Protein backbone atom coordinates (compact mmCIF):
# COMPACT_ATOMS: atom_id res chain seq x y z
CA MET A 1 -29.71 -39.77 -8.79
CA LYS A 2 -27.53 -36.66 -8.31
CA PRO A 3 -26.13 -36.30 -4.77
CA PRO A 4 -25.31 -32.69 -3.77
CA VAL A 5 -21.71 -33.50 -2.74
CA ARG A 6 -19.71 -36.59 -2.31
CA ARG A 7 -17.75 -36.72 0.94
CA PRO A 8 -14.65 -38.94 1.09
CA GLN A 9 -14.92 -41.60 3.75
CA ALA A 10 -11.10 -42.36 3.86
CA VAL A 11 -10.63 -39.45 6.16
CA VAL A 12 -13.09 -40.74 8.91
CA LEU A 13 -11.66 -44.31 8.69
CA SER A 14 -7.98 -43.22 8.76
CA SER A 15 -8.77 -41.01 11.74
CA LEU A 16 -10.42 -43.84 13.72
CA ILE A 17 -7.56 -46.18 12.91
CA ALA A 18 -5.03 -43.50 14.19
CA PHE A 19 -7.04 -43.17 17.31
CA VAL A 20 -7.26 -46.85 18.10
CA LEU A 21 -3.42 -47.23 17.44
CA ALA A 22 -2.64 -44.29 19.66
CA LEU A 23 -4.58 -46.03 22.53
CA THR A 24 -3.04 -49.42 22.09
CA GLY A 25 0.51 -48.31 21.39
CA LEU A 26 0.72 -50.31 18.18
CA VAL A 27 2.72 -49.09 15.32
CA LEU A 28 1.32 -49.11 11.74
CA VAL A 29 3.87 -50.54 9.09
CA PRO A 30 3.57 -48.69 5.75
CA ALA A 31 2.24 -50.70 2.83
CA THR A 32 5.34 -49.96 0.79
CA GLY A 33 7.39 -52.41 2.95
CA HIS A 34 10.08 -49.95 4.12
CA ALA A 35 10.57 -47.56 7.07
CA ALA A 36 8.28 -44.53 6.81
CA THR A 37 9.88 -41.69 4.77
CA ASN A 38 8.87 -38.30 3.43
CA LEU A 39 9.95 -37.41 -0.08
CA VAL A 40 8.28 -34.01 0.11
CA VAL A 41 10.58 -31.09 0.42
CA ASN A 42 9.49 -28.61 3.19
CA GLY A 43 6.30 -30.65 3.77
CA SER A 44 5.92 -29.28 7.32
CA PHE A 45 6.63 -25.62 6.16
CA GLU A 46 8.92 -25.30 9.24
CA SER A 47 11.42 -23.41 7.05
CA GLY A 48 8.97 -20.48 7.29
CA THR A 49 9.05 -20.33 3.44
CA LEU A 50 7.39 -22.02 0.43
CA SER A 51 10.72 -23.48 -0.59
CA GLY A 52 10.10 -26.50 -2.80
CA TRP A 53 6.58 -25.64 -3.59
CA GLN A 54 4.93 -23.91 -6.60
CA CYS A 55 1.78 -21.99 -5.48
CA ALA A 56 -0.58 -19.65 -7.26
CA ALA A 57 -1.70 -17.77 -4.19
CA GLY A 58 0.03 -19.38 -1.26
CA SER A 59 1.88 -18.12 1.82
CA VAL A 60 3.23 -19.40 5.11
CA THR A 61 1.23 -18.60 8.16
CA SER A 62 1.39 -19.35 11.85
CA SER A 63 -1.73 -21.48 11.60
CA ALA A 64 -0.46 -24.99 11.66
CA HIS A 65 -1.55 -28.62 12.46
CA SER A 66 1.74 -29.15 14.16
CA GLY A 67 4.96 -27.07 14.68
CA SER A 68 5.01 -23.36 13.99
CA TYR A 69 4.07 -22.94 10.39
CA GLY A 70 1.52 -24.15 7.82
CA LEU A 71 0.52 -23.30 4.24
CA GLN A 72 -2.40 -21.07 3.51
CA SER A 73 -3.70 -20.57 -0.10
CA ALA A 74 -6.47 -18.21 -1.15
CA PRO A 75 -8.54 -19.19 -4.19
CA SER A 76 -10.23 -16.43 -6.19
CA GLY A 77 -13.12 -16.22 -8.63
CA SER A 78 -10.82 -17.49 -11.41
CA ASP A 79 -8.18 -19.57 -9.61
CA ILE A 80 -8.39 -22.64 -7.39
CA GLY A 81 -5.27 -21.67 -5.33
CA ARG A 82 -3.22 -24.72 -6.33
CA CYS A 83 0.14 -25.55 -4.73
CA SER A 84 2.28 -28.38 -6.12
CA GLN A 85 5.54 -30.12 -5.93
CA THR A 86 7.20 -32.44 -8.48
CA ILE A 87 9.06 -35.42 -6.75
CA SER A 88 11.24 -38.14 -8.08
CA VAL A 89 9.86 -41.61 -7.70
CA ARG A 90 10.42 -45.17 -8.93
CA PRO A 91 8.29 -46.89 -11.59
CA SER A 92 5.64 -49.54 -10.67
CA THR A 93 6.01 -48.66 -6.87
CA ALA A 94 3.39 -48.12 -4.25
CA TYR A 95 3.38 -44.79 -2.52
CA THR A 96 1.14 -43.06 0.11
CA LEU A 97 0.41 -39.25 -0.01
CA SER A 98 -1.09 -37.58 2.95
CA ALA A 99 -1.67 -34.16 4.34
CA TRP A 100 -3.56 -32.36 7.11
CA VAL A 101 -5.95 -29.77 5.70
CA THR A 102 -8.64 -27.39 6.95
CA GLY A 103 -11.27 -25.27 4.86
CA SER A 104 -13.94 -25.70 2.34
CA ASN A 105 -13.57 -28.05 -0.59
CA VAL A 106 -9.81 -28.91 -0.12
CA TYR A 107 -8.27 -31.26 -2.48
CA LEU A 108 -5.14 -33.57 -2.32
CA GLY A 109 -3.93 -35.59 -5.18
CA VAL A 110 -1.48 -36.60 -7.82
CA ASP A 111 -1.45 -35.10 -11.40
CA GLY A 112 -3.01 -37.70 -13.74
CA GLY A 113 -3.86 -40.01 -10.86
CA ALA A 114 -5.76 -40.49 -7.52
CA SER A 115 -7.11 -37.69 -5.47
CA THR A 116 -9.50 -36.89 -2.63
CA TRP A 117 -10.99 -33.88 -0.90
CA THR A 118 -12.94 -32.83 2.17
CA THR A 119 -14.54 -29.87 3.83
CA SER A 120 -13.64 -29.41 7.53
CA SER A 121 -13.55 -26.54 9.89
CA SER A 122 -10.83 -28.18 11.85
CA TRP A 123 -7.66 -29.97 10.86
CA SER A 124 -8.47 -33.28 9.10
CA GLN A 125 -6.08 -35.77 7.41
CA LEU A 126 -6.44 -36.74 3.76
CA THR A 127 -4.73 -39.94 2.46
CA VAL A 128 -4.17 -40.86 -1.18
CA PRO A 129 -2.50 -44.30 -1.91
CA PHE A 130 -1.32 -44.88 -5.52
CA THR A 131 1.10 -46.90 -7.56
CA THR A 132 3.41 -45.24 -10.15
CA SER A 133 3.20 -46.46 -13.78
CA ALA A 134 5.81 -48.59 -15.33
CA SER A 135 7.63 -45.68 -16.85
CA ALA A 136 7.17 -43.12 -14.12
CA THR A 137 10.34 -41.29 -12.77
CA SER A 138 8.52 -38.42 -11.14
CA VAL A 139 4.95 -37.42 -9.83
CA THR A 140 3.47 -34.04 -9.26
CA ILE A 141 1.56 -33.86 -6.04
CA TYR A 142 -0.85 -30.98 -5.39
CA THR A 143 -3.39 -29.52 -3.15
CA HIS A 144 -6.05 -26.81 -3.96
CA GLY A 145 -9.27 -25.34 -3.01
CA TRP A 146 -12.16 -24.16 -5.24
CA TYR A 147 -13.23 -21.02 -7.06
CA GLY A 148 -14.40 -18.21 -4.99
CA LEU A 149 -14.20 -20.06 -1.58
CA PRO A 150 -12.28 -18.89 1.46
CA ALA A 151 -8.67 -19.56 2.00
CA TYR A 152 -7.64 -23.19 3.00
CA GLY A 153 -4.86 -24.42 5.13
CA VAL A 154 -2.38 -27.30 4.59
CA ASP A 155 0.34 -28.83 6.93
CA ASP A 156 2.37 -31.97 7.35
CA VAL A 157 2.44 -33.08 3.75
CA VAL A 158 4.02 -36.61 3.44
CA LEU A 159 4.76 -38.78 0.48
CA ASP A 160 5.86 -42.14 1.85
CA GLY A 161 7.84 -44.36 -0.45
CA PRO A 162 11.33 -44.84 -2.08
CA GLY A 163 12.89 -41.95 -3.83
CA GLY A 164 14.19 -41.74 -7.38
CA THR A 165 16.56 -39.76 -9.50
CA PRO A 166 15.00 -36.53 -10.96
CA ASP A 167 14.73 -36.27 -14.70
CA THR A 168 14.75 -32.64 -15.96
CA THR A 169 15.75 -33.15 -19.57
CA PRO A 170 12.81 -32.65 -22.08
CA PRO A 171 12.49 -34.86 -25.20
CA SER A 172 13.46 -33.70 -28.61
CA THR A 173 10.95 -31.73 -30.56
CA PRO A 174 8.75 -33.82 -32.94
CA GLY A 175 9.17 -32.80 -36.58
CA GLY A 176 7.80 -33.52 -39.93
CA LEU A 177 4.21 -32.67 -38.95
CA THR A 178 1.77 -33.14 -42.05
CA VAL A 179 -1.99 -32.48 -42.07
CA GLY A 180 -3.89 -34.29 -44.74
CA GLY A 181 -6.59 -36.96 -45.54
CA PRO A 182 -9.39 -34.36 -45.23
CA THR A 183 -13.06 -35.21 -44.93
CA SER A 184 -15.87 -32.79 -44.21
CA SER A 185 -15.40 -33.16 -40.42
CA SER A 186 -11.79 -34.58 -39.88
CA LEU A 187 -8.07 -34.12 -40.72
CA GLN A 188 -5.33 -36.69 -40.38
CA LEU A 189 -2.04 -35.63 -38.63
CA ASN A 190 1.24 -37.50 -38.80
CA TRP A 191 4.62 -36.50 -37.39
CA SER A 192 8.12 -37.97 -36.66
CA ALA A 193 8.83 -39.52 -33.30
CA ALA A 194 10.67 -37.63 -30.65
CA THR A 195 13.37 -39.11 -28.61
CA ASP A 196 14.03 -39.17 -24.83
CA ALA A 197 16.38 -41.21 -22.71
CA ASN A 198 13.42 -42.31 -20.55
CA GLY A 199 10.92 -42.73 -23.38
CA ILE A 200 7.98 -40.70 -24.53
CA ASP A 201 4.94 -40.66 -22.46
CA HIS A 202 2.57 -38.74 -24.73
CA TYR A 203 2.26 -36.09 -27.38
CA ASP A 204 0.14 -32.88 -27.07
CA VAL A 205 -1.71 -31.54 -30.10
CA VAL A 206 -2.82 -27.97 -30.22
CA ARG A 207 -5.55 -26.90 -32.75
CA GLY A 208 -5.44 -23.07 -33.41
CA SER A 209 -5.62 -21.34 -29.97
CA GLU A 210 -7.38 -24.15 -28.14
CA ALA A 211 -6.03 -25.92 -25.14
CA ALA A 212 -3.50 -28.73 -25.69
CA GLN A 213 -5.02 -32.22 -26.04
CA SER A 214 -3.06 -35.27 -25.03
CA VAL A 215 -3.22 -38.03 -27.65
CA GLY A 216 -1.00 -40.67 -26.15
CA ASN A 217 2.24 -42.17 -27.39
CA VAL A 218 1.34 -42.12 -31.11
CA THR A 219 2.74 -40.40 -34.25
CA SER A 220 -0.62 -40.42 -36.10
CA TRP A 221 -3.88 -38.79 -34.91
CA THR A 222 -7.12 -37.77 -36.44
CA ALA A 223 -8.74 -34.39 -35.53
CA THR A 224 -12.45 -35.01 -35.70
CA GLY A 225 -15.65 -32.97 -35.14
CA LEU A 226 -14.47 -30.32 -37.64
CA SER A 227 -16.60 -28.08 -39.69
CA PRO A 228 -16.69 -28.43 -43.56
CA THR A 229 -14.65 -26.28 -45.87
CA THR A 230 -12.61 -24.76 -42.91
CA THR A 231 -8.94 -24.36 -42.42
CA TYR A 232 -7.35 -25.41 -39.11
CA SER A 233 -3.81 -25.09 -37.85
CA PHE A 234 -2.03 -27.56 -35.57
CA LYS A 235 1.22 -27.96 -33.72
CA VAL A 236 2.62 -30.81 -31.72
CA ARG A 237 5.09 -31.34 -28.76
CA ALA A 238 6.41 -34.45 -26.90
CA CYS A 239 6.25 -35.12 -23.19
CA ASP A 240 8.21 -37.59 -21.06
CA PRO A 241 7.09 -39.72 -18.10
CA SER A 242 8.64 -37.01 -15.82
CA GLY A 243 6.44 -34.31 -17.09
CA ASN A 244 9.18 -32.63 -19.15
CA CYS A 245 7.79 -31.39 -22.53
CA SER A 246 9.68 -30.31 -25.63
CA PRO A 247 8.97 -27.02 -27.45
CA TYR A 248 6.16 -27.16 -29.91
CA GLY A 249 7.15 -27.91 -33.56
CA ALA A 250 6.22 -25.89 -36.59
CA THR A 251 2.43 -25.03 -37.13
CA VAL A 252 0.97 -26.70 -40.09
CA SER A 253 -2.48 -26.22 -41.53
CA GLY A 254 -5.13 -28.24 -43.38
CA THR A 255 -8.55 -27.60 -44.89
CA THR A 256 -11.62 -30.03 -44.56
CA THR A 257 -13.71 -30.85 -47.62
CA THR A 258 -17.38 -29.77 -48.31
CA GLY A 259 -20.00 -32.20 -46.92
CA PRO A 260 -23.04 -32.61 -44.70
CA THR A 261 -23.32 -30.80 -41.42
CA ASN A 262 -25.97 -32.90 -39.72
CA PRO A 263 -25.24 -33.61 -36.14
CA PRO A 264 -24.62 -37.24 -35.02
CA GLY A 265 -27.37 -39.23 -33.40
CA GLY A 266 -29.96 -39.97 -36.05
CA SER A 267 -33.35 -38.10 -36.69
CA LEU A 268 -33.72 -36.14 -33.43
CA PRO A 269 -35.50 -32.78 -33.76
CA LYS A 270 -33.44 -29.66 -34.03
CA HIS A 271 -34.40 -28.80 -30.40
CA VAL A 272 -34.86 -31.64 -27.88
CA LEU A 273 -36.49 -32.19 -24.49
CA THR A 274 -34.90 -35.12 -22.73
CA GLY A 275 -36.38 -36.71 -19.58
CA TYR A 276 -34.98 -39.47 -17.37
CA TRP A 277 -37.30 -42.33 -16.62
CA GLN A 278 -36.93 -44.13 -13.30
CA ASN A 279 -36.64 -47.87 -13.40
CA PHE A 280 -37.37 -47.79 -9.56
CA ASN A 281 -39.77 -46.51 -7.10
CA ASN A 282 -38.48 -43.72 -4.84
CA GLY A 283 -41.73 -41.87 -4.03
CA ALA A 284 -42.18 -40.25 -7.40
CA THR A 285 -44.99 -41.27 -9.69
CA VAL A 286 -44.54 -44.80 -10.92
CA GLN A 287 -44.69 -44.87 -14.75
CA LYS A 288 -44.60 -47.15 -17.76
CA ILE A 289 -42.72 -45.96 -20.82
CA SER A 290 -46.12 -45.46 -22.44
CA ASP A 291 -47.03 -42.96 -19.60
CA VAL A 292 -44.28 -40.50 -20.56
CA PRO A 293 -45.77 -37.42 -22.09
CA ALA A 294 -45.32 -36.80 -25.78
CA ALA A 295 -43.48 -33.57 -25.07
CA TYR A 296 -40.37 -35.62 -24.37
CA ASP A 297 -38.36 -36.27 -27.52
CA LEU A 298 -35.73 -38.32 -25.81
CA ILE A 299 -36.33 -40.71 -22.90
CA ALA A 300 -33.35 -41.97 -20.95
CA VAL A 301 -34.11 -45.18 -18.90
CA ALA A 302 -32.38 -45.05 -15.56
CA PHE A 303 -30.25 -47.10 -15.05
CA ALA A 304 -28.15 -49.98 -16.45
CA ASP A 305 -26.50 -52.32 -13.94
CA ALA A 306 -22.86 -53.28 -13.64
CA ASP A 307 -22.06 -56.81 -14.85
CA ALA A 308 -20.26 -58.30 -12.01
CA SER A 309 -18.67 -61.00 -14.18
CA ARG A 310 -17.02 -58.54 -16.62
CA PRO A 311 -15.19 -55.43 -15.45
CA GLY A 312 -16.77 -52.48 -17.41
CA GLY A 313 -19.64 -54.50 -18.58
CA ILE A 314 -23.26 -53.62 -18.18
CA THR A 315 -26.68 -55.32 -18.05
CA PHE A 316 -30.30 -54.10 -17.57
CA ASN A 317 -32.86 -55.49 -15.19
CA LEU A 318 -36.37 -54.16 -15.25
CA ASP A 319 -37.63 -53.60 -11.68
CA SER A 320 -41.08 -55.29 -12.42
CA ALA A 321 -41.90 -55.58 -8.75
CA GLY A 322 -41.11 -51.94 -7.94
CA LEU A 323 -43.07 -50.79 -11.02
CA ASN A 324 -46.38 -52.47 -10.07
CA GLY A 325 -45.75 -55.61 -12.19
CA TYR A 326 -44.50 -53.92 -15.39
CA THR A 327 -43.40 -56.75 -17.56
CA VAL A 328 -40.36 -57.05 -19.77
CA ALA A 329 -42.54 -57.83 -22.77
CA GLN A 330 -44.68 -54.76 -22.27
CA PHE A 331 -41.65 -52.52 -21.60
CA LYS A 332 -40.07 -53.60 -24.86
CA SER A 333 -43.53 -53.08 -26.55
CA ASP A 334 -43.75 -49.57 -25.09
CA ILE A 335 -40.28 -48.64 -26.30
CA ALA A 336 -41.23 -49.74 -29.82
CA ALA A 337 -44.38 -47.60 -29.62
CA LYS A 338 -42.48 -44.57 -28.61
CA LYS A 339 -40.01 -45.11 -31.46
CA ALA A 340 -42.94 -45.48 -33.90
CA ALA A 341 -44.24 -42.23 -32.65
CA GLY A 342 -40.92 -40.48 -33.58
CA LYS A 343 -39.49 -40.56 -30.13
CA LYS A 344 -35.97 -41.98 -29.08
CA VAL A 345 -35.31 -44.17 -26.01
CA ILE A 346 -31.76 -44.62 -24.70
CA LEU A 347 -30.20 -46.40 -21.69
CA SER A 348 -28.47 -44.49 -19.07
CA VAL A 349 -25.33 -45.80 -17.24
CA GLY A 350 -24.38 -44.51 -13.87
CA GLY A 351 -26.53 -42.43 -11.46
CA GLU A 352 -25.85 -41.86 -7.82
CA ARG A 353 -25.19 -45.55 -7.11
CA GLY A 354 -23.68 -46.51 -10.48
CA THR A 355 -20.62 -48.73 -10.10
CA VAL A 356 -19.54 -49.15 -13.69
CA SER A 357 -15.86 -48.34 -14.21
CA VAL A 358 -14.13 -48.17 -17.62
CA ALA A 359 -10.52 -47.55 -16.83
CA ASN A 360 -8.50 -49.90 -19.14
CA ALA A 361 -8.64 -51.52 -22.64
CA THR A 362 -10.19 -54.64 -21.20
CA ALA A 363 -13.08 -52.71 -19.58
CA ALA A 364 -13.63 -50.64 -22.68
CA ALA A 365 -14.10 -53.71 -24.79
CA ASN A 366 -16.46 -55.26 -22.24
CA PHE A 367 -18.51 -52.05 -22.04
CA ALA A 368 -18.92 -51.87 -25.82
CA SER A 369 -19.88 -55.56 -26.35
CA THR A 370 -22.30 -55.78 -23.51
CA ALA A 371 -23.85 -52.37 -24.22
CA LEU A 372 -24.41 -53.46 -27.81
CA SER A 373 -26.21 -56.66 -26.69
CA VAL A 374 -28.43 -54.69 -24.23
CA LEU A 375 -29.33 -52.06 -26.73
CA ARG A 376 -30.33 -54.52 -29.37
CA GLU A 377 -32.26 -56.77 -26.93
CA TYR A 378 -34.50 -53.95 -25.69
CA GLY A 379 -34.57 -51.73 -28.76
CA PHE A 380 -32.76 -48.84 -27.27
CA ASP A 381 -31.58 -46.09 -29.59
CA GLY A 382 -28.47 -45.17 -27.66
CA ILE A 383 -26.48 -44.74 -24.46
CA ASP A 384 -26.20 -42.06 -21.83
CA ILE A 385 -23.09 -41.61 -19.75
CA ASP A 386 -24.09 -40.41 -16.13
CA LEU A 387 -21.16 -41.81 -14.11
CA GLU A 388 -21.07 -39.60 -11.07
CA ASN A 389 -17.89 -41.15 -9.71
CA GLY A 390 -15.94 -39.97 -12.61
CA VAL A 391 -14.85 -41.20 -16.03
CA ASN A 392 -11.63 -41.98 -17.87
CA ALA A 393 -11.72 -40.02 -21.05
CA GLN A 394 -9.27 -42.25 -22.91
CA TYR A 395 -10.94 -45.65 -22.25
CA MET A 396 -14.55 -44.49 -22.18
CA GLY A 397 -13.93 -42.74 -25.39
CA GLN A 398 -12.52 -45.90 -26.80
CA ALA A 399 -15.52 -47.87 -25.59
CA LEU A 400 -17.98 -45.39 -27.06
CA ARG A 401 -16.27 -45.36 -30.48
CA SER A 402 -16.17 -49.18 -30.56
CA LEU A 403 -19.95 -49.25 -29.61
CA GLN A 404 -20.84 -46.72 -32.40
CA SER A 405 -18.84 -48.49 -34.95
CA GLN A 406 -20.85 -51.83 -34.25
CA PHE A 407 -24.21 -50.18 -33.74
CA GLY A 408 -24.07 -47.65 -36.53
CA SER A 409 -24.03 -44.00 -37.21
CA GLY A 410 -27.59 -43.60 -35.89
CA LEU A 411 -26.40 -44.34 -32.32
CA ILE A 412 -27.30 -41.60 -29.87
CA ILE A 413 -24.72 -40.69 -27.29
CA THR A 414 -25.51 -38.34 -24.51
CA MET A 415 -23.83 -37.46 -21.28
CA ALA A 416 -25.06 -36.02 -17.99
CA PRO A 417 -22.00 -34.73 -16.21
CA GLN A 418 -22.31 -32.84 -12.79
CA THR A 419 -21.60 -29.12 -13.01
CA ILE A 420 -18.10 -29.33 -11.59
CA ASP A 421 -17.10 -31.91 -14.23
CA MET A 422 -17.48 -29.34 -17.01
CA GLN A 423 -15.61 -26.39 -15.43
CA ALA A 424 -12.49 -26.83 -17.51
CA THR A 425 -11.31 -28.72 -20.69
CA THR A 426 -8.64 -30.54 -18.68
CA PHE A 427 -11.38 -32.35 -16.58
CA GLU A 428 -11.95 -35.77 -17.69
CA TYR A 429 -15.75 -35.45 -18.55
CA PHE A 430 -14.90 -32.39 -20.73
CA LYS A 431 -11.92 -34.26 -22.33
CA LEU A 432 -14.25 -37.13 -23.12
CA ALA A 433 -16.80 -34.73 -24.73
CA LEU A 434 -14.27 -33.14 -26.99
CA ALA A 435 -12.59 -36.58 -27.74
CA ILE A 436 -15.92 -37.88 -29.18
CA LYS A 437 -17.30 -34.69 -30.53
CA ASP A 438 -17.76 -36.04 -33.96
CA ILE A 439 -20.11 -38.89 -32.64
CA LEU A 440 -21.57 -37.07 -29.49
CA THR A 441 -25.23 -36.09 -29.60
CA ILE A 442 -25.89 -33.93 -26.51
CA VAL A 443 -24.19 -33.06 -23.04
CA ASN A 444 -26.96 -32.21 -20.53
CA VAL A 445 -25.01 -30.94 -17.65
CA GLN A 446 -26.82 -31.12 -14.21
CA TYR A 447 -27.19 -27.54 -13.17
CA TYR A 448 -28.22 -28.53 -9.69
CA ASN A 449 -26.71 -30.07 -6.47
CA SER A 450 -23.84 -27.85 -7.32
CA GLY A 451 -23.46 -24.94 -4.86
CA ALA A 452 -21.57 -21.95 -6.24
CA MET A 453 -19.46 -22.42 -9.44
CA ASN A 454 -17.20 -20.23 -11.55
CA GLY A 455 -18.90 -18.98 -14.84
CA CYS A 456 -17.37 -18.34 -18.28
CA ASP A 457 -16.76 -14.73 -17.38
CA GLY A 458 -14.66 -15.54 -14.41
CA GLN A 459 -17.42 -14.61 -11.84
CA VAL A 460 -18.80 -16.94 -9.24
CA TYR A 461 -22.59 -17.78 -9.38
CA SER A 462 -24.82 -19.56 -7.03
CA GLN A 463 -27.17 -22.14 -8.32
CA GLY A 464 -30.89 -21.58 -8.77
CA SER A 465 -30.69 -18.58 -11.09
CA VAL A 466 -30.74 -17.73 -14.77
CA ASP A 467 -27.18 -16.37 -14.27
CA PHE A 468 -25.87 -19.65 -12.90
CA ILE A 469 -27.31 -21.72 -15.74
CA THR A 470 -26.19 -19.39 -18.57
CA ALA A 471 -22.77 -18.66 -17.23
CA GLN A 472 -22.10 -22.41 -16.82
CA ALA A 473 -23.43 -23.37 -20.21
CA CYS A 474 -21.32 -20.85 -22.05
CA ILE A 475 -18.20 -22.68 -20.70
CA MET A 476 -19.03 -25.50 -23.07
CA LEU A 477 -20.25 -23.23 -25.85
CA GLN A 478 -16.96 -21.22 -25.75
CA ASN A 479 -14.58 -24.28 -25.42
CA GLY A 480 -15.23 -26.64 -28.34
CA LEU A 481 -18.72 -28.10 -28.20
CA ARG A 482 -21.20 -27.27 -30.90
CA PRO A 483 -24.43 -25.47 -29.75
CA ASP A 484 -26.54 -28.47 -31.00
CA GLN A 485 -24.50 -30.60 -28.46
CA VAL A 486 -25.48 -28.50 -25.38
CA GLY A 487 -28.50 -29.02 -23.14
CA LEU A 488 -29.45 -27.62 -19.87
CA GLY A 489 -30.27 -30.20 -17.12
CA LEU A 490 -32.62 -29.10 -14.33
CA PRO A 491 -34.81 -31.05 -11.84
CA ALA A 492 -38.57 -31.26 -12.59
CA SER A 493 -39.46 -30.49 -9.00
CA SER A 494 -38.02 -29.56 -5.68
CA ARG A 495 -38.10 -33.14 -4.61
CA GLY A 496 -36.22 -34.35 -7.64
CA ALA A 497 -32.87 -32.89 -6.28
CA GLY A 498 -31.26 -31.85 -3.10
CA SER A 499 -30.81 -28.26 -4.20
CA GLY A 500 -30.87 -26.21 -7.30
CA TYR A 501 -34.47 -26.47 -8.41
CA VAL A 502 -35.84 -23.50 -10.45
CA SER A 503 -39.28 -22.98 -11.94
CA PRO A 504 -39.89 -23.68 -15.55
CA THR A 505 -39.94 -19.83 -16.12
CA ILE A 506 -36.32 -19.74 -15.16
CA VAL A 507 -35.39 -22.60 -17.36
CA ASN A 508 -37.14 -20.89 -20.22
CA ASN A 509 -35.38 -17.57 -19.53
CA ALA A 510 -32.04 -19.32 -19.65
CA LEU A 511 -32.96 -20.97 -22.91
CA ASP A 512 -33.85 -17.56 -24.30
CA CYS A 513 -30.80 -15.85 -23.07
CA LEU A 514 -28.41 -18.39 -24.74
CA ALA A 515 -30.38 -18.85 -27.97
CA LYS A 516 -31.85 -15.32 -28.57
CA GLY A 517 -30.05 -12.94 -26.07
CA THR A 518 -33.34 -12.12 -24.32
CA ASN A 519 -34.58 -12.66 -20.76
CA CYS A 520 -31.00 -12.82 -19.41
CA GLY A 521 -30.10 -11.89 -15.83
CA SER A 522 -27.13 -9.78 -14.95
CA PHE A 523 -24.93 -12.02 -17.03
CA LYS A 524 -25.40 -11.61 -20.76
CA PRO A 525 -23.22 -13.65 -23.22
CA THR A 526 -21.46 -11.64 -25.88
CA THR A 527 -23.10 -13.82 -28.57
CA THR A 528 -26.13 -16.10 -29.03
CA TRP A 529 -26.42 -19.74 -29.90
CA PRO A 530 -29.67 -20.27 -31.76
CA THR A 531 -28.95 -23.95 -32.36
CA LEU A 532 -28.78 -24.65 -28.56
CA ARG A 533 -30.14 -28.23 -28.31
CA GLY A 534 -32.63 -27.93 -25.58
CA ALA A 535 -33.29 -29.10 -21.97
CA MET A 536 -33.18 -32.14 -19.74
CA THR A 537 -34.84 -33.05 -16.56
CA TRP A 538 -34.65 -35.51 -13.68
CA SER A 539 -37.15 -36.94 -14.07
CA THR A 540 -40.39 -37.71 -16.00
CA ASN A 541 -41.59 -39.46 -12.81
CA TRP A 542 -41.06 -36.32 -10.59
CA ASP A 543 -42.48 -34.20 -13.39
CA ALA A 544 -45.65 -36.30 -13.35
CA LEU A 545 -45.95 -35.89 -9.53
CA ASN A 546 -45.62 -32.13 -10.05
CA GLY A 547 -48.39 -31.93 -12.61
CA ASN A 548 -46.09 -32.33 -15.76
CA GLN A 549 -45.09 -28.61 -15.34
CA PHE A 550 -41.61 -29.13 -16.85
CA SER A 551 -42.80 -31.06 -19.93
CA ASN A 552 -45.76 -28.73 -20.49
CA GLN A 553 -43.99 -25.38 -20.01
CA VAL A 554 -40.27 -26.18 -20.86
CA GLY A 555 -41.14 -28.66 -23.55
CA ALA A 556 -43.35 -26.23 -25.42
CA HIS A 557 -40.62 -23.55 -25.11
CA VAL A 558 -37.87 -25.83 -26.36
CA HIS A 559 -39.91 -26.75 -29.40
CA ALA A 560 -40.54 -23.11 -30.12
CA LEU A 561 -36.80 -22.07 -30.14
CA PRO A 562 -35.52 -20.73 -33.53
């Protein structure tokens, strides 16, 4: 379900192609249909300086792929060592970005677009083809490493394609901001449109001291997931397609009304134990839904399948043969019985081999309509998003809101992002969680198959410890999600994941540390979150093979939380 690391295959393929071409003497014609060019300023660093680049921790060194100089950048415990350059381009035009890199977890990409990465002890080429949007006049290319890892190297950076005229003029500042239409959990914002010679790409809204949230090219937006009887302040700025942004306009405040504070997702307990149930046989105990222990409050059926006939659409196919003849009729009957016993059963979309992609309005509509059909057919209570190849926050958010509006307010929506996906509010999974906060039930981050990660205190922690779990969880707890929306995802046994397994005792200690401030490791949060929602495991099947230690020990602990 959860691979430890995804390695890009493009590097291997491009290297093989280059080798064959070199042997045969053939010349590769660029896909852009013009002679090969390089729009990157100082892409080979042969100037001996970082001219043209913006780097957080970069320097020019004699370690190079070719020539005399290359770039070296050193990440730290709180910085990824990013270097970037903004380049003028043409709209709706194909480009190819490439660079030679060396080091651990080295990324190459385009802001707001495609990216790739690799780990290599020798020079290896990364390639990122992309097409600019219809309104694009510039792109920002970047490379970076990862928190706490050693310095990485970059050389021979090339952006192949036709150049454009740089736009450095910001839009006008949007004015007339009003905050009204209060409910117990939302406020309506309206403002006057800004102007720009090349049009407006999007507006950024800042709530209080939180990070800016891009809301698209609109002049009306609803802030959701707010607390009752609470005053919030907002300010807005405009940004153009070249990345130029206006100053923020005046800050305006509004107050929500009184009302219920019940979390979304129906009648789940205050603290929840979630378990994934495998619709396949991979060596773990084969189970029927009826075999899942009663300690599990929420059962996530893994996984939905992609609907090949409708982009973004899903279907569900019970693996009767792999599950010892388990019939669809019995499966539906078992779901109904679990629900009658007060449990909830949802359908998970994604997993290691999941191919569902929701990246445009059509796919969003297809996802919502097909998911509604599958949920109703089998009696599922909700949907789980476990897309390990990434999500598009805008369109997946659109799809989930559409599904919830049709299914009803009792729809359970959970997410199971990988650890790296929730490191910052600018990452798509985190953006999605915040965008649907008012209808989101639980985010169970996979605190395994992760390696070392930066914690909320700026320190780097290795997986497999109380500190790793608590220092990761507090990133969400300190950056916008309610405690009742945060769960801890761990494997049920050492065979359930490639790495990161911890004993039930460690899971329980992490729960205590976050909820009560006890049993912490060296890292102790400055506050506690007694309403922390609970824990999740992959999977009920691996748990069964391991004597149900997770459900027996962690389940009892979850249900005893304050």
